[in-house]
Amino acid sequence: MTDRELIEKLAVATPEQMGELIRIARRKVKQPPDELEILLDRVCRSHRKAVSEVKGKSKKQALVNARADFIMKAFKTRRYTGEQIGNAINRDNSTVLHHRNIKYHSR
């Protein structure tokens, strides 16, 4: 559903339909911006890892390092919240902040 379709449906929705449309809108907001996907792809290439591996559940050190590198580069742009960065790699905001704090305190 495009943004325009969603807006049109919200304009004429009944109270029962409104809840479902709001849930759809919230899911759309949580999708990472395209720029984050591009950054993730670049980081994965530099680490020679697949995007699906970095987004996966594995805790192998090489994948953790790739995730941490992505998180730091995304934060350095100062355009994204921890939640947006976390959504890009299927991680929680607390995980993103943890990686950022580890890198910050290890300087």
C-alpha atoms as a PDB file:
ATOM      1  CA  MET A   1       0.000   0.000   0.000  1.00  0.00           C
ATOM      2  CA  THR A   2       1.444   3.348  -1.022  1.00  0.00           C
ATOM      3  CA  ASP A   3       1.486   6.376   1.257  1.00  0.00           C
ATOM      4  CA  ARG A   4      -1.178   8.064  -0.856  1.00  0.00           C
ATOM      5  CA  GLU A   5      -3.499   5.046  -0.641  1.00  0.00           C
ATOM      6  CA  LEU A   6      -2.991   4.899   3.118  1.00  0.00           C
ATOM      7  CA  ILE A   7      -3.859   8.583   3.512  1.00  0.00           C
ATOM      8  CA  GLU A   8      -6.972   8.200   1.354  1.00  0.00           C
ATOM      9  CA  LYS A   9      -8.135   5.202   3.390  1.00  0.00           C
ATOM     10  CA  LEU A  10      -7.497   7.027   6.670  1.00  0.00           C
ATOM     11  CA  ALA A  11      -9.672   9.918   5.480  1.00  0.00           C
ATOM     12  CA  VAL A  12     -12.754   7.692   5.053  1.00  0.00           C
ATOM     13  CA  ALA A  13     -12.051   4.954   7.608  1.00  0.00           C
ATOM     14  CA  THR A  14     -14.535   3.849  10.221  1.00  0.00           C
ATOM     15  CA  PRO A  15     -13.332   3.624  13.831  1.00  0.00           C
ATOM     16  CA  GLU A  16     -12.959  -0.159  13.437  1.00  0.00           C
ATOM     17  CA  GLN A  17     -10.777   0.225  10.336  1.00  0.00           C
ATOM     18  CA  MET A  18      -8.728   3.040  11.859  1.00  0.00           C
ATOM     19  CA  GLY A  19      -6.837   0.747  14.246  1.00  0.00           C
ATOM     20  CA  GLU A  20      -5.615  -1.531  11.450  1.00  0.00           C
ATOM     21  CA  LEU A  21      -4.613   1.412   9.254  1.00  0.00           C
ATOM     22  CA  ILE A  22      -2.652   2.945  12.129  1.00  0.00           C
ATOM     23  CA  ARG A  23      -0.809  -0.363  12.621  1.00  0.00           C
ATOM     24  CA  ILE A  24       0.067  -0.398   8.898  1.00  0.00           C
ATOM     25  CA  ALA A  25       1.317   3.197   9.116  1.00  0.00           C
ATOM     26  CA  ARG A  26       3.508   2.370  12.130  1.00  0.00           C
ATOM     27  CA  ARG A  27       5.065  -0.581  10.291  1.00  0.00           C
ATOM     28  CA  LYS A  28       5.838   1.677   7.335  1.00  0.00           C
ATOM     29  CA  VAL A  29       7.620   4.154   9.619  1.00  0.00           C
ATOM     30  CA  LYS A  30       9.791   1.393  11.081  1.00  0.00           C
ATOM     31  CA  GLN A  31      11.193   0.442   7.693  1.00  0.00           C
ATOM     32  CA  PRO A  32      14.758   1.667   7.394  1.00  0.00           C
ATOM     33  CA  PRO A  33      15.463   4.465   4.921  1.00  0.00           C
ATOM     34  CA  ASP A  34      17.059   3.518   1.622  1.00  0.00           C
ATOM     35  CA  GLU A  35      20.277   5.334   2.583  1.00  0.00           C
ATOM     36  CA  LEU A  36      20.735   2.968   5.516  1.00  0.00           C
ATOM     37  CA  GLU A  37      20.332  -0.019   3.193  1.00  0.00           C
ATOM     38  CA  ILE A  38      23.016   1.429   0.919  1.00  0.00           C
ATOM     39  CA  LEU A  39      25.336   2.005   3.883  1.00  0.00           C
ATOM     40  CA  LEU A  40      24.671  -1.531   5.130  1.00  0.00           C
ATOM     41  CA  ASP A  41      25.523  -2.935   1.709  1.00  0.00           C
ATOM     42  CA  ARG A  42      28.816  -1.000   1.642  1.00  0.00           C
ATOM     43  CA  VAL A  43      29.780  -2.161   5.130  1.00  0.00           C
ATOM     44  CA  CYS A  44      28.940  -5.765   4.242  1.00  0.00           C
ATOM     45  CA  ARG A  45      31.123  -5.568   1.145  1.00  0.00           C
ATOM     46  CA  SER A  46      34.030  -4.140   3.105  1.00  0.00           C
ATOM     47  CA  HIS A  47      33.714  -6.976   5.634  1.00  0.00           C
ATOM     48  CA  ARG A  48      33.081  -9.548   2.866  1.00  0.00           C
ATOM     49  CA  LYS A  49      29.802 -10.654   4.453  1.00  0.00           C
ATOM     50  CA  ALA A  50      26.315 -11.048   3.026  1.00  0.00           C
ATOM     51  CA  VAL A  51      23.642  -8.603   4.168  1.00  0.00           C
ATOM     52  CA  SER A  52      21.485 -11.554   5.227  1.00  0.00           C
ATOM     53  CA  GLU A  53      24.309 -12.775   7.501  1.00  0.00           C
ATOM     54  CA  VAL A  54      24.679  -9.379   9.168  1.00  0.00           C
ATOM     55  CA  LYS A  55      20.909  -9.150   9.652  1.00  0.00           C
ATOM     56  CA  GLY A  56      20.819 -12.724  10.999  1.00  0.00           C
ATOM     57  CA  LYS A  57      21.076 -14.035  14.542  1.00  0.00           C
ATOM     58  CA  SER A  58      24.639 -15.351  14.439  1.00  0.00           C
ATOM     59  CA  LYS A  59      27.037 -14.068  17.104  1.00  0.00           C
ATOM     60  CA  LYS A  60      30.226 -14.895  15.198  1.00  0.00           C
ATOM     61  CA  GLN A  61      32.814 -12.237  15.939  1.00  0.00           C
ATOM     62  CA  ALA A  62      33.235 -11.231  12.273  1.00  0.00           C
ATOM     63  CA  LEU A  63      29.498 -10.558  11.975  1.00  0.00           C
ATOM     64  CA  VAL A  64      29.370  -8.694  15.282  1.00  0.00           C
ATOM     65  CA  ASN A  65      32.249  -6.516  14.053  1.00  0.00           C
ATOM     66  CA  ALA A  66      30.400  -5.803  10.791  1.00  0.00           C
ATOM     67  CA  ARG A  67      27.255  -4.822  12.726  1.00  0.00           C
ATOM     68  CA  ALA A  68      29.254  -2.580  15.062  1.00  0.00           C
ATOM     69  CA  ASP A  69      30.961  -0.917  12.084  1.00  0.00           C
ATOM     70  CA  PHE A  70      27.581  -0.290  10.446  1.00  0.00           C
ATOM     71  CA  ILE A  71      26.163   1.150  13.671  1.00  0.00           C
ATOM     72  CA  MET A  72      29.070   3.547  14.116  1.00  0.00           C
ATOM     73  CA  LYS A  73      28.947   4.753  10.510  1.00  0.00           C
ATOM     74  CA  ALA A  74      25.178   5.232  10.680  1.00  0.00           C
ATOM     75  CA  PHE A  75      25.470   7.241  13.911  1.00  0.00           C
ATOM     76  CA  LYS A  76      28.254   9.383  12.445  1.00  0.00           C
ATOM     77  CA  THR A  77      25.857  10.617   9.756  1.00  0.00           C
ATOM     78  CA  ARG A  78      23.698  12.037  12.600  1.00  0.00           C
ATOM     79  CA  ARG A  79      20.560  11.457  10.527  1.00  0.00           C
ATOM     80  CA  TYR A  80      19.161   8.304  12.093  1.00  0.00           C
ATOM     81  CA  THR A  81      17.794   7.255  15.445  1.00  0.00           C
ATOM     82  CA  GLY A  82      18.925   4.125  17.228  1.00  0.00           C
ATOM     83  CA  GLU A  83      15.584   2.540  16.389  1.00  0.00           C
ATOM     84  CA  GLN A  84      15.980   3.180  12.655  1.00  0.00           C
ATOM     85  CA  ILE A  85      19.517   1.792  12.694  1.00  0.00           C
ATOM     86  CA  GLY A  86      18.395  -1.241  14.670  1.00  0.00           C
ATOM     87  CA  ASN A  87      15.521  -1.923  12.287  1.00  0.00           C
ATOM     88  CA  ALA A  88      17.963  -1.946   9.380  1.00  0.00           C
ATOM     89  CA  ILE A  89      19.864  -4.890  10.913  1.00  0.00           C
ATOM     90  CA  ASN A  90      16.997  -6.552  12.812  1.00  0.00           C
ATOM     91  CA  ARG A  91      18.271  -5.449  16.209  1.00  0.00           C
ATOM     92  CA  ASP A  92      16.758  -3.641  19.158  1.00  0.00           C
ATOM     93  CA  ASN A  93      17.573  -0.024  20.000  1.00  0.00           C
ATOM     94  CA  SER A  94      19.348  -1.181  23.185  1.00  0.00           C
ATOM     95  CA  THR A  95      21.699  -3.367  21.133  1.00  0.00           C
ATOM     96  CA  VAL A  96      22.508  -0.424  18.875  1.00  0.00           C
ATOM     97  CA  LEU A  97      23.243   1.830  21.853  1.00  0.00           C
ATOM     98  CA  HIS A  98      25.372  -0.912  23.435  1.00  0.00           C
ATOM     99  CA  HIS A  99      27.595  -1.130  20.337  1.00  0.00           C
ATOM    100  CA  ARG A 100      27.851   2.645  20.118  1.00  0.00           C
ATOM    101  CA  ASN A 101      28.860   2.922  23.789  1.00  0.00           C
ATOM    102  CA  ILE A 102      31.472   0.154  23.499  1.00  0.00           C
ATOM    103  CA  LYS A 103      33.113   1.935  20.545  1.00  0.00           C
ATOM    104  CA  TYR A 104      32.869   5.318  22.294  1.00  0.00           C
ATOM    105  CA  HIS A 105      34.468   4.102  25.553  1.00  0.00           C
ATOM    106  CA  SER A 106      37.205   2.098  23.839  1.00  0.00           C
ATOM    107  CA  ARG A 107      38.804   5.252  22.377  1.00  0.00           C
END
